[in-house]
Amino acid sequence: MSEPPQDATRPMPVVDTEKHPGTDQHSPPTAQQPALSPDAHGSGRFWSARRVPSAIVALLTLGGAGLLLYDVVAVRTGHPAMYWRRELARQLAERHLDDIPVLAGAAFVTALGLWLILLALTPGLRNLLPMLRPRYDVRAALTRDAAAQVLRDRAVEVSGVREARVKMRRRRADVRVISHFRDPAEVRGDLDTALAGAVTDLGMVRRPKLSVRLRGPGKKG
């Protein structure tokens, strides 16, 4: 198996540096700040800021609270309540709990609340694959496209591989390879070895399982 060229272009990982007081980022690891071994685990996935959902919820809450506060102040000063509040009070007083509109509204509010809870409890950023941490103040991740490109480049370096396609998932890498001019069994053996080494070299916290499918170029005519 040929080694990858030294000047090959490799995708750059996403790096997040956590600064700690009194710690020089360029200094070698000391007894107070030991370096992690290659087998160390990372710190988990990167969390999304959820700016768009947070902004939407904040705007809706602010608008609803402001409108309700305006109506309450208007009633306290002797003005009649707004039509929407009078109509809402009448509907709530007349409709039963088993009415279809009431059940539909309750289902919508429940679904919205579950969605917000899901956003709060899940990290998001599924496109980033966390990598092992060489130091305690450094976090890094590869995008799925970058990891797939590395696996594809390593696959096409195998002798007998004409074309390779890689689809990267969080826990599995689907590799589709078209071979030519070599025994498929030999190509498969070299391919498994090359891809296993590539997965190790990626340095990801959770190594993806390889799903490799090899087929010939097909018949001409």
C-alpha atoms as a PDB file:
ATOM      1  CA  MET A   1       0.000   0.000   0.000  1.00  0.00           C
ATOM      2  CA  SER A   2       1.426   3.341  -1.002  1.00  0.00           C
ATOM      3  CA  GLU A   3       1.756   6.106   1.558  1.00  0.00           C
ATOM      4  CA  PRO A   4      -0.174   9.373   1.035  1.00  0.00           C
ATOM      5  CA  PRO A   5       1.882  12.191  -0.490  1.00  0.00           C
ATOM      6  CA  GLN A   6       3.429  14.580   1.963  1.00  0.00           C
ATOM      7  CA  ASP A   7       2.018  17.677   0.248  1.00  0.00           C
ATOM      8  CA  ALA A   8      -1.532  16.334   0.045  1.00  0.00           C
ATOM      9  CA  THR A   9      -4.202  18.795   1.086  1.00  0.00           C
ATOM     10  CA  ARG A  10      -6.010  17.699   4.217  1.00  0.00           C
ATOM     11  CA  PRO A  11      -9.200  19.254   5.668  1.00  0.00           C
ATOM     12  CA  MET A  12      -8.585  21.352   8.751  1.00  0.00           C
ATOM     13  CA  PRO A  13     -10.498  20.370  11.901  1.00  0.00           C
ATOM     14  CA  VAL A  14     -12.634  22.707  13.969  1.00  0.00           C
ATOM     15  CA  VAL A  15     -10.663  23.744  17.036  1.00  0.00           C
ATOM     16  CA  ASP A  16     -11.989  25.306  20.218  1.00  0.00           C
ATOM     17  CA  THR A  17      -9.417  26.483  22.759  1.00  0.00           C
ATOM     18  CA  GLU A  18     -10.531  26.811  26.368  1.00  0.00           C
ATOM     19  CA  LYS A  19      -8.369  29.357  28.144  1.00  0.00           C
ATOM     20  CA  HIS A  20      -7.604  28.836  31.794  1.00  0.00           C
ATOM     21  CA  PRO A  21      -6.031  31.431  34.083  1.00  0.00           C
ATOM     22  CA  GLY A  22      -2.292  31.069  34.415  1.00  0.00           C
ATOM     23  CA  THR A  23      -1.992  28.575  31.553  1.00  0.00           C
ATOM     24  CA  ASP A  24       0.255  29.212  28.588  1.00  0.00           C
ATOM     25  CA  GLN A  25      -1.252  27.560  25.522  1.00  0.00           C
ATOM     26  CA  HIS A  26       2.135  27.160  23.838  1.00  0.00           C
ATOM     27  CA  SER A  27       3.999  25.774  26.818  1.00  0.00           C
ATOM     28  CA  PRO A  28       4.627  22.014  27.051  1.00  0.00           C
ATOM     29  CA  PRO A  29       2.450  19.976  29.426  1.00  0.00           C
ATOM     30  CA  THR A  30       3.497  20.151  33.050  1.00  0.00           C
ATOM     31  CA  ALA A  31       2.645  18.162  36.128  1.00  0.00           C
ATOM     32  CA  GLN A  32      -0.259  20.522  36.798  1.00  0.00           C
ATOM     33  CA  GLN A  33      -1.534  20.156  33.217  1.00  0.00           C
ATOM     34  CA  PRO A  34      -0.688  16.679  31.876  1.00  0.00           C
ATOM     35  CA  ALA A  35      -1.267  15.819  28.247  1.00  0.00           C
ATOM     36  CA  LEU A  36      -3.862  13.224  27.476  1.00  0.00           C
ATOM     37  CA  SER A  37      -2.835   9.911  25.974  1.00  0.00           C
ATOM     38  CA  PRO A  38      -3.943   8.994  22.446  1.00  0.00           C
ATOM     39  CA  ASP A  39      -6.504   6.639  23.968  1.00  0.00           C
ATOM     40  CA  ALA A  40      -8.134   9.364  26.064  1.00  0.00           C
ATOM     41  CA  HIS A  41     -11.742  10.238  25.460  1.00  0.00           C
ATOM     42  CA  GLY A  42     -13.005  13.629  24.369  1.00  0.00           C
ATOM     43  CA  SER A  43     -15.407  15.872  26.195  1.00  0.00           C
ATOM     44  CA  GLY A  44     -18.496  15.125  24.133  1.00  0.00           C
ATOM     45  CA  ARG A  45     -20.207  16.847  21.270  1.00  0.00           C
ATOM     46  CA  PHE A  46     -20.244  20.563  20.591  1.00  0.00           C
ATOM     47  CA  TRP A  47     -23.419  22.353  21.687  1.00  0.00           C
ATOM     48  CA  SER A  48     -25.368  24.599  19.376  1.00  0.00           C
ATOM     49  CA  ALA A  49     -26.214  28.118  20.518  1.00  0.00           C
ATOM     50  CA  ARG A  50     -29.830  27.693  19.269  1.00  0.00           C
ATOM     51  CA  ARG A  51     -29.984  31.390  18.424  1.00  0.00           C
ATOM     52  CA  VAL A  52     -32.907  31.213  15.985  1.00  0.00           C
ATOM     53  CA  PRO A  53     -35.303  29.198  18.210  1.00  0.00           C
ATOM     54  CA  SER A  54     -34.308  31.295  21.234  1.00  0.00           C
ATOM     55  CA  ALA A  55     -34.949  34.522  19.340  1.00  0.00           C
ATOM     56  CA  ILE A  56     -38.344  33.309  18.080  1.00  0.00           C
ATOM     57  CA  VAL A  57     -39.472  32.213  21.551  1.00  0.00           C
ATOM     58  CA  ALA A  58     -38.234  35.451  23.100  1.00  0.00           C
ATOM     59  CA  LEU A  59     -40.024  37.613  20.511  1.00  0.00           C
ATOM     60  CA  LEU A  60     -43.291  35.684  20.830  1.00  0.00           C
ATOM     61  CA  THR A  61     -43.155  35.819  24.620  1.00  0.00           C
ATOM     62  CA  LEU A  62     -42.339  39.527  24.624  1.00  0.00           C
ATOM     63  CA  GLY A  63     -45.107  40.330  22.141  1.00  0.00           C
ATOM     64  CA  GLY A  64     -47.741  38.284  23.977  1.00  0.00           C
ATOM     65  CA  ALA A  65     -46.779  39.652  27.388  1.00  0.00           C
ATOM     66  CA  GLY A  66     -46.754  43.229  26.085  1.00  0.00           C
ATOM     67  CA  LEU A  67     -50.174  42.874  24.446  1.00  0.00           C
ATOM     68  CA  LEU A  68     -51.690  41.309  27.563  1.00  0.00           C
ATOM     69  CA  LEU A  69     -50.163  43.954  29.812  1.00  0.00           C
ATOM     70  CA  TYR A  70     -51.527  46.736  27.587  1.00  0.00           C
ATOM     71  CA  ASP A  71     -55.019  45.232  27.694  1.00  0.00           C
ATOM     72  CA  VAL A  72     -54.944  44.817  31.496  1.00  0.00           C
ATOM     73  CA  VAL A  73     -53.841  48.436  31.964  1.00  0.00           C
ATOM     74  CA  ALA A  74     -56.572  49.598  29.573  1.00  0.00           C
ATOM     75  CA  VAL A  75     -59.245  47.726  31.561  1.00  0.00           C
ATOM     76  CA  ARG A  76     -57.909  49.151  34.831  1.00  0.00           C
ATOM     77  CA  THR A  77     -58.227  52.668  33.443  1.00  0.00           C
ATOM     78  CA  GLY A  78     -61.877  52.191  32.481  1.00  0.00           C
ATOM     79  CA  HIS A  79     -61.577  51.119  28.856  1.00  0.00           C
ATOM     80  CA  PRO A  80     -63.227  47.934  27.569  1.00  0.00           C
ATOM     81  CA  ALA A  81     -61.133  44.829  27.103  1.00  0.00           C
ATOM     82  CA  MET A  82     -59.906  43.964  23.638  1.00  0.00           C
ATOM     83  CA  TYR A  83     -62.147  41.873  21.455  1.00  0.00           C
ATOM     84  CA  TRP A  84     -59.732  38.922  21.297  1.00  0.00           C
ATOM     85  CA  ARG A  85     -59.623  38.612  25.090  1.00  0.00           C
ATOM     86  CA  ARG A  86     -63.422  38.807  25.424  1.00  0.00           C
ATOM     87  CA  GLU A  87     -63.850  36.231  22.670  1.00  0.00           C
ATOM     88  CA  LEU A  88     -61.208  33.951  24.212  1.00  0.00           C
ATOM     89  CA  ALA A  89     -62.900  34.127  27.623  1.00  0.00           C
ATOM     90  CA  ARG A  90     -66.272  33.326  26.041  1.00  0.00           C
ATOM     91  CA  GLN A  91     -64.872  30.363  24.100  1.00  0.00           C
ATOM     92  CA  LEU A  92     -63.196  28.963  27.193  1.00  0.00           C
ATOM     93  CA  ALA A  93     -66.418  29.287  29.166  1.00  0.00           C
ATOM     94  CA  GLU A  94     -68.678  27.686  26.531  1.00  0.00           C
ATOM     95  CA  ARG A  95     -66.517  24.944  24.992  1.00  0.00           C
ATOM     96  CA  HIS A  96     -66.027  21.551  26.609  1.00  0.00           C
ATOM     97  CA  LEU A  97     -62.618  19.985  27.117  1.00  0.00           C
ATOM     98  CA  ASP A  98     -63.352  17.197  24.628  1.00  0.00           C
ATOM     99  CA  ASP A  99     -64.113  19.567  21.739  1.00  0.00           C
ATOM    100  CA  ILE A 100     -61.919  19.097  18.690  1.00  0.00           C
ATOM    101  CA  PRO A 101     -60.567  22.695  18.627  1.00  0.00           C
ATOM    102  CA  VAL A 102     -59.615  22.439  22.310  1.00  0.00           C
ATOM    103  CA  LEU A 103     -57.876  19.108  21.811  1.00  0.00           C
ATOM    104  CA  ALA A 104     -56.099  20.385  18.693  1.00  0.00           C
ATOM    105  CA  GLY A 105     -54.860  23.467  20.540  1.00  0.00           C
ATOM    106  CA  ALA A 106     -53.661  21.376  23.476  1.00  0.00           C
ATOM    107  CA  ALA A 107     -51.858  18.972  21.117  1.00  0.00           C
ATOM    108  CA  PHE A 108     -50.143  21.880  19.357  1.00  0.00           C
ATOM    109  CA  VAL A 109     -48.989  23.458  22.606  1.00  0.00           C
ATOM    110  CA  THR A 110     -47.769  20.076  23.895  1.00  0.00           C
ATOM    111  CA  ALA A 111     -45.828  19.391  20.700  1.00  0.00           C
ATOM    112  CA  LEU A 112     -44.282  22.850  20.834  1.00  0.00           C
ATOM    113  CA  GLY A 113     -43.246  22.356  24.455  1.00  0.00           C
ATOM    114  CA  LEU A 114     -41.703  18.946  23.732  1.00  0.00           C
ATOM    115  CA  TRP A 115     -39.792  20.450  20.801  1.00  0.00           C
ATOM    116  CA  LEU A 116     -38.375  23.196  23.008  1.00  0.00           C
ATOM    117  CA  ILE A 117     -37.402  20.654  25.678  1.00  0.00           C
ATOM    118  CA  LEU A 118     -35.697  18.548  23.006  1.00  0.00           C
ATOM    119  CA  LEU A 119     -33.729  21.561  21.811  1.00  0.00           C
ATOM    120  CA  ALA A 120     -32.666  22.332  25.373  1.00  0.00           C
ATOM    121  CA  LEU A 121     -31.491  18.793  26.152  1.00  0.00           C
ATOM    122  CA  THR A 122     -29.720  17.893  22.894  1.00  0.00           C
ATOM    123  CA  PRO A 123     -26.417  19.394  21.715  1.00  0.00           C
ATOM    124  CA  GLY A 124     -27.212  19.745  18.033  1.00  0.00           C
ATOM    125  CA  LEU A 125     -24.402  20.418  15.523  1.00  0.00           C
ATOM    126  CA  ARG A 126     -24.680  16.872  14.204  1.00  0.00           C
ATOM    127  CA  ASN A 127     -22.314  17.751  11.364  1.00  0.00           C
ATOM    128  CA  LEU A 128     -19.363  17.997  13.771  1.00  0.00           C
ATOM    129  CA  LEU A 129     -17.615  14.784  14.872  1.00  0.00           C
ATOM    130  CA  PRO A 130     -15.643  15.326  18.130  1.00  0.00           C
ATOM    131  CA  MET A 131     -11.965  14.392  18.140  1.00  0.00           C
ATOM    132  CA  LEU A 132      -9.710  13.253  20.964  1.00  0.00           C
ATOM    133  CA  ARG A 133      -8.277  16.042  23.095  1.00  0.00           C
ATOM    134  CA  PRO A 134      -4.469  16.259  23.076  1.00  0.00           C
ATOM    135  CA  ARG A 135      -4.673  18.813  25.926  1.00  0.00           C
ATOM    136  CA  TYR A 136      -7.267  19.742  28.475  1.00  0.00           C
ATOM    137  CA  ASP A 137      -7.698  23.250  27.028  1.00  0.00           C
ATOM    138  CA  VAL A 138      -8.149  22.181  23.403  1.00  0.00           C
ATOM    139  CA  ARG A 139     -11.260  20.803  21.755  1.00  0.00           C
ATOM    140  CA  ALA A 140     -11.442  19.821  18.113  1.00  0.00           C
ATOM    141  CA  ALA A 141     -13.927  18.309  15.698  1.00  0.00           C
ATOM    142  CA  LEU A 142     -14.080  17.224  12.082  1.00  0.00           C
ATOM    143  CA  THR A 143     -16.990  17.966   9.828  1.00  0.00           C
ATOM    144  CA  ARG A 144     -18.620  14.968   8.207  1.00  0.00           C
ATOM    145  CA  ASP A 145     -17.544  16.138   4.761  1.00  0.00           C
ATOM    146  CA  ALA A 146     -13.913  16.454   5.875  1.00  0.00           C
ATOM    147  CA  ALA A 147     -13.895  12.989   7.433  1.00  0.00           C
ATOM    148  CA  ALA A 148     -15.525  11.512   4.338  1.00  0.00           C
ATOM    149  CA  GLN A 149     -12.932  13.191   2.128  1.00  0.00           C
ATOM    150  CA  VAL A 150     -10.080  11.699   4.157  1.00  0.00           C
ATOM    151  CA  LEU A 151     -11.555   8.210   3.876  1.00  0.00           C
ATOM    152  CA  ARG A 152     -12.167   8.653   0.160  1.00  0.00           C
ATOM    153  CA  ASP A 153      -8.597   9.825  -0.460  1.00  0.00           C
ATOM    154  CA  ARG A 154      -7.238   6.850   1.458  1.00  0.00           C
ATOM    155  CA  ALA A 155      -9.490   4.452  -0.457  1.00  0.00           C
ATOM    156  CA  VAL A 156      -8.491   5.658  -3.936  1.00  0.00           C
ATOM    157  CA  GLU A 157      -4.815   5.237  -3.018  1.00  0.00           C
ATOM    158  CA  VAL A 158      -5.335   1.474  -2.864  1.00  0.00           C
ATOM    159  CA  SER A 159      -4.123  -0.255  -5.998  1.00  0.00           C
ATOM    160  CA  GLY A 160      -7.042  -1.525  -8.032  1.00  0.00           C
ATOM    161  CA  VAL A 161      -9.569   1.063  -6.832  1.00  0.00           C
ATOM    162  CA  ARG A 162     -10.999   3.135  -9.662  1.00  0.00           C
ATOM    163  CA  GLU A 163     -13.669   5.102  -7.835  1.00  0.00           C
ATOM    164  CA  ALA A 164     -14.762   5.549  -4.233  1.00  0.00           C
ATOM    165  CA  ARG A 165     -17.685   7.276  -2.590  1.00  0.00           C
ATOM    166  CA  VAL A 166     -18.054   7.824   1.143  1.00  0.00           C
ATOM    167  CA  LYS A 167     -21.115   8.874   3.101  1.00  0.00           C
ATOM    168  CA  MET A 168     -20.231   9.767   6.657  1.00  0.00           C
ATOM    169  CA  ARG A 169     -22.698   9.349   9.486  1.00  0.00           C
ATOM    170  CA  ARG A 170     -22.268   9.864  13.210  1.00  0.00           C
ATOM    171  CA  ARG A 171     -21.637   6.179  13.944  1.00  0.00           C
ATOM    172  CA  ARG A 172     -21.009   4.621  10.550  1.00  0.00           C
ATOM    173  CA  ALA A 173     -19.117   5.331   7.360  1.00  0.00           C
ATOM    174  CA  ASP A 174     -20.649   3.887   4.192  1.00  0.00           C
ATOM    175  CA  VAL A 175     -17.947   3.313   1.582  1.00  0.00           C
ATOM    176  CA  ARG A 176     -18.824   2.341  -1.998  1.00  0.00           C
ATOM    177  CA  VAL A 177     -15.874   1.301  -4.138  1.00  0.00           C
ATOM    178  CA  ILE A 178     -15.526   0.317  -7.802  1.00  0.00           C
ATOM    179  CA  SER A 179     -12.453  -1.797  -8.560  1.00  0.00           C
ATOM    180  CA  HIS A 180     -10.636  -2.793 -11.745  1.00  0.00           C
ATOM    181  CA  PHE A 181      -7.690  -4.917 -13.025  1.00  0.00           C
ATOM    182  CA  ARG A 182      -7.031  -6.631  -9.663  1.00  0.00           C
ATOM    183  CA  ASP A 183      -8.446  -9.597  -7.846  1.00  0.00           C
ATOM    184  CA  PRO A 184     -11.422  -8.257  -5.806  1.00  0.00           C
ATOM    185  CA  ALA A 185     -10.332 -10.289  -2.779  1.00  0.00           C
ATOM    186  CA  GLU A 186      -6.910  -8.634  -2.759  1.00  0.00           C
ATOM    187  CA  VAL A 187      -8.433  -5.210  -3.266  1.00  0.00           C
ATOM    188  CA  ARG A 188     -10.860  -5.815  -0.418  1.00  0.00           C
ATOM    189  CA  GLY A 189      -8.069  -6.860   1.936  1.00  0.00           C
ATOM    190  CA  ASP A 190      -5.925  -3.807   1.155  1.00  0.00           C
ATOM    191  CA  LEU A 191      -8.984  -1.581   1.310  1.00  0.00           C
ATOM    192  CA  ASP A 192     -10.015  -2.811   4.752  1.00  0.00           C
ATOM    193  CA  THR A 193      -6.482  -2.244   6.045  1.00  0.00           C
ATOM    194  CA  ALA A 194      -6.239   1.243   4.543  1.00  0.00           C
ATOM    195  CA  LEU A 195      -9.648   2.383   5.796  1.00  0.00           C
ATOM    196  CA  ALA A 196      -9.049   0.989   9.282  1.00  0.00           C
ATOM    197  CA  GLY A 197      -5.825   2.970   9.478  1.00  0.00           C
ATOM    198  CA  ALA A 198      -7.579   6.083   8.164  1.00  0.00           C
ATOM    199  CA  VAL A 199     -10.278   5.833  10.825  1.00  0.00           C
ATOM    200  CA  THR A 200      -7.592   5.555  13.501  1.00  0.00           C
ATOM    201  CA  ASP A 201      -5.676   8.516  12.072  1.00  0.00           C
ATOM    202  CA  LEU A 202      -8.803  10.685  12.191  1.00  0.00           C
ATOM    203  CA  GLY A 203      -8.572  10.595  15.987  1.00  0.00           C
ATOM    204  CA  MET A 204     -12.298  10.805  16.592  1.00  0.00           C
ATOM    205  CA  VAL A 205     -13.785  10.110  20.002  1.00  0.00           C
ATOM    206  CA  ARG A 206     -16.273   7.624  18.598  1.00  0.00           C
ATOM    207  CA  ARG A 207     -14.733   5.674  15.772  1.00  0.00           C
ATOM    208  CA  PRO A 208     -17.309   5.035  13.073  1.00  0.00           C
ATOM    209  CA  LYS A 209     -18.037   1.517  11.943  1.00  0.00           C
ATOM    210  CA  LEU A 210     -17.017   0.835   8.370  1.00  0.00           C
ATOM    211  CA  SER A 211     -19.534  -0.492   5.875  1.00  0.00           C
ATOM    212  CA  VAL A 212     -17.592  -1.272   2.688  1.00  0.00           C
ATOM    213  CA  ARG A 213     -19.154  -2.457  -0.556  1.00  0.00           C
ATOM    214  CA  LEU A 214     -16.866  -3.436  -3.417  1.00  0.00           C
ATOM    215  CA  ARG A 215     -17.989  -4.147  -6.948  1.00  0.00           C
ATOM    216  CA  GLY A 216     -16.353  -4.497 -10.302  1.00  0.00           C
ATOM    217  CA  PRO A 217     -16.547  -2.035 -13.195  1.00  0.00           C
ATOM    218  CA  GLY A 218     -19.380  -3.985 -14.848  1.00  0.00           C
ATOM    219  CA  LYS A 219     -19.714  -5.417 -18.281  1.00  0.00           C
ATOM    220  CA  LYS A 220     -19.128  -3.308 -21.363  1.00  0.00           C
ATOM    221  CA  GLY A 221     -21.459  -3.285 -24.306  1.00  0.00           C
END
